[in-house]
Protein backbone atom coordinates (compact mmCIF):
# COMPACT_ATOMS: atom_id res chain seq x y z
CA MET A 1 13.26 21.04 -6.70
CA PRO A 2 11.95 18.96 -3.76
CA ALA A 3 8.51 19.64 -2.34
CA SER A 4 8.20 22.07 0.55
CA ASP A 5 6.37 21.00 3.69
CA GLN A 6 3.34 23.00 2.55
CA GLN A 7 3.36 21.36 -0.91
CA ARG A 8 3.66 17.91 0.69
CA GLN A 9 0.61 18.63 2.83
CA GLN A 10 -1.32 19.87 -0.19
CA LEU A 11 -0.38 16.79 -2.24
CA LEU A 12 -1.32 14.54 0.68
CA HIS A 13 -4.75 16.18 0.95
CA ILE A 14 -5.24 15.84 -2.83
CA CYS A 15 -4.48 12.12 -2.61
CA GLU A 16 -6.87 11.72 0.33
CA GLN A 17 -9.62 13.39 -1.71
CA LEU A 18 -8.84 11.19 -4.72
CA ARG A 19 -8.91 8.08 -2.51
CA GLU A 20 -12.37 9.04 -1.26
CA ALA A 21 -13.53 9.70 -4.83
CA LEU A 22 -12.25 6.33 -6.01
CA GLU A 23 -13.97 4.57 -3.10
CA SER A 24 -17.25 6.36 -3.92
CA SER A 25 -16.93 5.43 -7.60
CA GLN A 26 -17.31 1.73 -6.74
CA THR A 27 -20.90 2.11 -5.54
CA LEU A 28 -21.91 5.21 -7.50
CA GLY A 29 -25.45 5.54 -8.79
CA GLY A 30 -27.83 8.34 -9.72
CA SER A 31 -29.92 9.84 -12.47
CA THR A 32 -28.38 10.50 -15.87
CA SER A 33 -28.24 14.22 -15.07
CA GLU A 34 -26.54 13.61 -11.70
CA LEU A 35 -23.98 11.31 -13.28
CA ALA A 36 -23.41 13.80 -16.12
CA GLU A 37 -22.65 16.51 -13.56
CA VAL A 38 -20.10 14.31 -11.79
CA GLU A 39 -18.55 13.38 -15.14
CA ALA A 40 -18.24 17.05 -16.15
CA THR A 41 -16.69 17.98 -12.80
CA LEU A 42 -14.13 15.20 -13.09
CA SER A 43 -13.35 16.13 -16.68
CA SER A 44 -12.67 19.71 -15.59
CA LEU A 45 -10.51 18.53 -12.70
CA ASN A 46 -8.53 16.23 -15.01
CA GLY A 47 -7.88 19.19 -17.27
CA GLN A 48 -6.52 21.20 -14.34
CA MET A 49 -4.31 18.33 -13.21
CA ALA A 50 -3.06 17.61 -16.74
CA ALA A 51 -1.70 21.16 -16.90
CA LEU A 52 0.47 20.39 -13.86
CA ARG A 53 1.54 16.91 -14.94
CA ASP A 54 5.20 15.87 -15.35
CA ARG A 55 6.43 18.30 -12.70
CA LYS A 56 6.93 15.70 -9.99
CA ILE A 57 8.33 17.18 -6.79
CA LEU A 58 8.18 14.07 -4.59
CA GLU A 59 11.15 11.76 -4.24
CA PHE A 60 10.92 8.18 -5.54
CA TYR A 61 12.79 6.71 -2.56
CA ASN A 62 13.42 8.12 0.89
CA PRO A 63 16.16 6.38 2.93
CA ASP A 64 15.56 8.79 5.87
CA TYR A 65 12.06 7.57 6.64
CA ASN A 66 12.23 8.30 10.40
CA GLY A 67 10.65 5.01 11.45
CA ASP A 68 7.53 5.44 9.26
CA PHE A 69 7.81 2.75 6.59
CA ARG A 70 5.20 4.45 4.41
CA ASN A 71 7.71 7.25 3.78
CA ILE A 72 10.26 4.90 2.16
CA LEU A 73 8.43 4.78 -1.18
CA PRO A 74 6.06 7.75 -0.87
CA CYS A 75 4.27 7.07 -4.17
CA SER A 76 4.07 3.27 -3.91
CA PRO A 77 0.70 1.85 -5.00
CA LEU A 78 0.90 -0.48 -1.99
CA SER A 79 2.06 1.73 0.84
CA GLY A 80 2.69 5.30 -0.27
CA TYR A 81 0.93 8.20 1.40
CA PHE A 82 0.91 9.97 -1.98
CA ASN A 83 -0.83 7.27 -4.03
CA PRO A 84 -4.63 7.26 -3.78
CA ILE A 85 -4.93 3.53 -4.53
CA ALA A 86 -2.53 2.54 -1.73
CA PRO A 87 -4.23 0.82 1.22
CA ASP A 88 -4.35 3.06 4.28
CA LEU A 89 -2.20 0.94 6.59
CA LYS A 90 -0.14 1.81 9.63
CA ILE A 91 3.25 0.05 9.22
CA TRP A 92 5.73 -0.18 12.08
CA ARG A 93 8.47 -2.26 13.67
CA GLU A 94 8.26 -3.74 17.14
CA ASP A 95 11.11 -5.95 18.39
CA GLU A 96 11.88 -8.45 15.60
CA PHE A 97 8.54 -8.02 13.84
CA VAL A 98 7.15 -5.58 11.29
CA TYR A 99 3.41 -4.99 11.42
CA ALA A 100 0.90 -3.50 8.99
CA GLU A 101 -2.61 -2.79 10.22
CA GLY A 102 -5.74 -1.23 8.78
CA SER A 103 -8.85 -2.00 6.77
CA LEU A 104 -9.53 -2.04 3.05
CA GLY A 105 -12.60 -0.82 1.19
CA LYS A 106 -14.46 -1.29 -2.07
CA ILE A 107 -11.56 -0.02 -4.19
CA HIS A 108 -9.68 -3.21 -3.20
CA GLU A 109 -12.60 -5.64 -3.57
CA GLY A 110 -12.26 -8.95 -5.41
CA PRO A 111 -14.89 -11.53 -4.44
CA PRO A 112 -18.02 -9.96 -2.93
CA ALA A 113 -17.26 -8.28 0.43
CA SER A 114 -13.65 -9.57 0.30
CA VAL A 115 -10.26 -8.09 -0.56
CA HIS A 116 -8.82 -9.11 -3.94
CA GLY A 117 -6.12 -11.77 -3.53
CA GLY A 118 -3.73 -9.81 -5.73
CA VAL A 119 -3.99 -6.83 -3.38
CA ILE A 120 -3.14 -9.10 -0.43
CA SER A 121 -0.16 -10.47 -2.36
CA GLY A 122 1.02 -6.95 -3.16
CA ILE A 123 0.80 -5.86 0.48
CA TYR A 124 2.82 -8.89 1.53
CA ASP A 125 5.46 -8.12 -1.11
CA GLN A 126 5.82 -4.58 0.23
CA VAL A 127 5.76 -5.40 3.96
CA LEU A 128 8.11 -8.38 3.62
CA ALA A 129 10.55 -6.12 1.76
CA PHE A 130 10.25 -3.54 4.55
CA THR A 131 11.10 -6.32 7.01
CA GLY A 132 14.33 -6.90 5.12
CA LEU A 133 15.09 -3.17 5.27
CA ALA A 134 14.33 -3.11 9.00
CA ASN A 135 17.01 -5.80 9.41
CA GLU A 136 19.45 -3.90 7.17
CA LEU A 137 18.97 -6.51 4.45
CA PRO A 138 17.47 -4.66 1.47
CA GLY A 139 16.65 -6.93 -1.44
CA MET A 140 14.57 -7.61 -4.52
CA THR A 141 11.74 -10.13 -4.51
CA ALA A 142 12.78 -13.41 -6.13
CA SER A 143 9.67 -15.40 -5.21
CA LEU A 144 6.56 -14.91 -3.16
CA THR A 145 4.24 -17.68 -2.00
CA ILE A 146 0.86 -16.81 -0.50
CA LYS A 147 -1.52 -19.27 1.16
CA TYR A 148 -5.11 -18.05 1.32
CA HIS A 149 -6.77 -19.72 4.32
CA ARG A 150 -9.93 -17.61 4.43
CA PRO A 151 -11.33 -14.65 2.49
CA THR A 152 -10.04 -11.31 3.79
CA PRO A 153 -13.10 -9.20 4.68
CA LEU A 154 -13.58 -5.60 3.62
CA PHE A 155 -14.07 -2.83 6.19
CA THR A 156 -12.54 -4.99 8.92
CA THR A 157 -9.28 -4.35 10.76
CA ILE A 158 -6.60 -6.78 9.65
CA ARG A 159 -3.01 -7.10 10.82
CA PHE A 160 -0.01 -8.38 8.89
CA THR A 161 2.87 -9.68 11.03
CA THR A 162 6.20 -10.36 9.30
CA TRP A 163 9.59 -11.57 10.47
CA LEU A 164 13.00 -12.51 9.15
CA GLU A 165 13.29 -16.29 8.98
CA LYS A 166 16.86 -16.76 7.79
CA LYS A 167 19.65 -15.42 5.61
CA ARG A 168 22.12 -17.46 3.59
CA ASP A 169 24.64 -15.63 1.45
CA ARG A 170 22.50 -13.09 -0.45
CA HIS A 171 19.29 -15.13 -0.02
CA ILE A 172 16.86 -13.74 2.55
CA ILE A 173 13.72 -15.64 3.59
CA ILE A 174 10.97 -13.63 5.29
CA HIS A 175 7.66 -15.00 6.58
CA GLY A 176 4.34 -13.35 7.33
CA GLU A 177 0.79 -13.92 8.47
CA CYS A 178 -2.38 -11.85 8.32
CA HIS A 179 -5.08 -12.09 10.97
CA SER A 180 -8.45 -10.58 11.72
CA ASP A 181 -8.61 -10.79 15.51
CA ASP A 182 -7.54 -14.41 16.13
CA THR A 183 -8.53 -15.72 12.69
CA LEU A 184 -5.66 -16.57 10.33
CA LEU A 185 -6.58 -15.25 6.89
CA THR A 186 -3.38 -15.69 4.87
CA SER A 187 0.28 -16.61 5.28
CA ALA A 188 3.29 -15.87 3.11
CA GLU A 189 6.92 -16.70 2.43
CA GLY A 190 9.13 -14.41 0.43
CA LEU A 191 12.59 -15.04 -0.96
CA PHE A 192 14.58 -11.85 -1.47
CA ILE A 193 17.99 -11.39 -3.06
CA GLN A 194 20.10 -8.88 -1.16
CA TYR A 195 21.37 -5.94 -3.15
CA LYS A 196 25.08 -6.01 -3.93
CA LYS A 197 27.03 -3.26 -2.21
């Protein structure tokens, strides 16, 4: 049975709380008694959640996403509203471009004060695929090439811009760039193979 609007809101708030907890966990410190209290609380919470596990009421894929790309794969680890490790990005289409904008925190850190390169690669994979969908060219990733020009800073607004480069037969090439203000941080090229109808 699909989730009701109220259940969706409750699940969304749970994921927001989990996201905040995960972010806090990256810089957590305290006395042994303080840490023991947090550990006990989390253990109790995990017990509660385990009792409700394997009753998933959210869809895997949503073709009626109403212009909000984050609704397409609601539990995606890279864009889903209902996955606490997903970066909190606004993703939208404007003219021939698809944009993703937001900032990333400690949960996505690689080098000190910088976003992990694998997280950047994953975001590109997701947003490039959304660009194919926006052009009615859904496909699977065949290859993805990322060029890292500068470290991507944490806690700083970044913007991914992606666009369809060309299509030949079932081969779709999509490009992208990520900037912080006017600074080019990374660029990408993805080759996607269009799904057979």
